[in-house]
């Protein structure tokens, strides 16, 4: 089984095989969330807040 730490050591990539994706689907949900949060924190400031402005609402 692939571990969170082994995934975090790999460079970011977009050429995942079907077997690798299936392995991720088999992970426990808390481990998957932890890995995603760790990767996000590596590349983005966790204290930064994104501010957005609503331009218009059409109903």
Protein backbone atom coordinates (compact mmCIF):
# COMPACT_ATOMS: atom_id res chain seq x y z
CA UNK A 1 0.00 0.00 0.00
CA UNK A 2 1.21 3.49 -0.81
CA UNK A 3 1.78 5.61 2.27
CA UNK A 4 1.11 9.30 2.79
CA UNK A 5 4.81 10.02 3.29
CA UNK A 6 5.78 8.28 0.04
CA UNK A 7 3.23 10.35 -1.88
CA UNK A 8 4.46 13.58 -0.29
CA UNK A 9 8.04 12.82 -1.35
CA UNK A 10 7.10 12.56 -5.04
CA UNK A 11 7.08 15.58 -7.36
CA UNK A 12 3.70 16.85 -8.56
CA UNK A 13 2.62 14.99 -11.67
CA UNK A 14 -0.43 14.47 -13.86
CA UNK A 15 0.37 11.14 -15.54
CA UNK A 16 -1.32 8.85 -13.01
CA UNK A 17 -2.05 5.28 -14.07
CA UNK A 18 -5.43 3.68 -13.42
CA UNK A 19 -3.85 1.40 -10.82
CA UNK A 20 -2.37 4.36 -8.91
CA UNK A 21 -5.74 6.13 -8.87
CA UNK A 22 -7.45 2.96 -7.63
CA UNK A 23 -4.89 2.77 -4.83
CA UNK A 24 -5.82 6.30 -3.74
CA UNK A 25 -9.51 5.36 -3.69
CA UNK A 26 -8.63 2.53 -1.28
CA UNK A 27 -7.00 4.90 1.24
CA UNK A 28 -8.83 5.71 4.46
CA UNK A 29 -10.52 9.10 4.05
CA UNK A 30 -8.61 10.84 6.91
CA UNK A 31 -5.28 9.79 5.35
CA UNK A 32 -6.37 11.12 1.96
CA UNK A 33 -7.41 14.47 3.47
CA UNK A 34 -4.12 14.68 5.40
CA UNK A 35 -2.07 14.04 2.24
CA UNK A 36 -4.05 16.65 0.28
CA UNK A 37 -3.69 19.24 3.05
CA UNK A 38 0.05 18.55 3.39
CA UNK A 39 0.60 18.99 -0.36
CA UNK A 40 -1.46 22.17 -0.38
CA UNK A 41 0.50 23.62 2.56
CA UNK A 42 3.77 22.82 0.78
CA UNK A 43 2.83 25.02 -2.18
CA UNK A 44 0.55 27.66 -0.64
CA UNK A 45 0.71 29.82 2.48
CA UNK A 46 -1.76 28.25 4.94
CA UNK A 47 -2.35 31.65 6.58
CA UNK A 48 -3.23 33.38 3.31
CA UNK A 49 -6.88 34.18 2.71
CA UNK A 50 -8.34 34.46 -0.78
CA UNK A 51 -10.64 37.44 -1.20
CA UNK A 52 -13.17 37.33 -4.01
CA UNK A 53 -15.71 39.87 -5.20
CA UNK A 54 -19.07 38.97 -6.62
CA UNK A 55 -19.48 40.75 -9.95
CA UNK A 56 -23.15 40.06 -10.62
CA UNK A 57 -26.00 37.68 -9.98
CA UNK A 58 -28.32 36.87 -12.85
CA UNK A 59 -31.52 35.12 -11.91
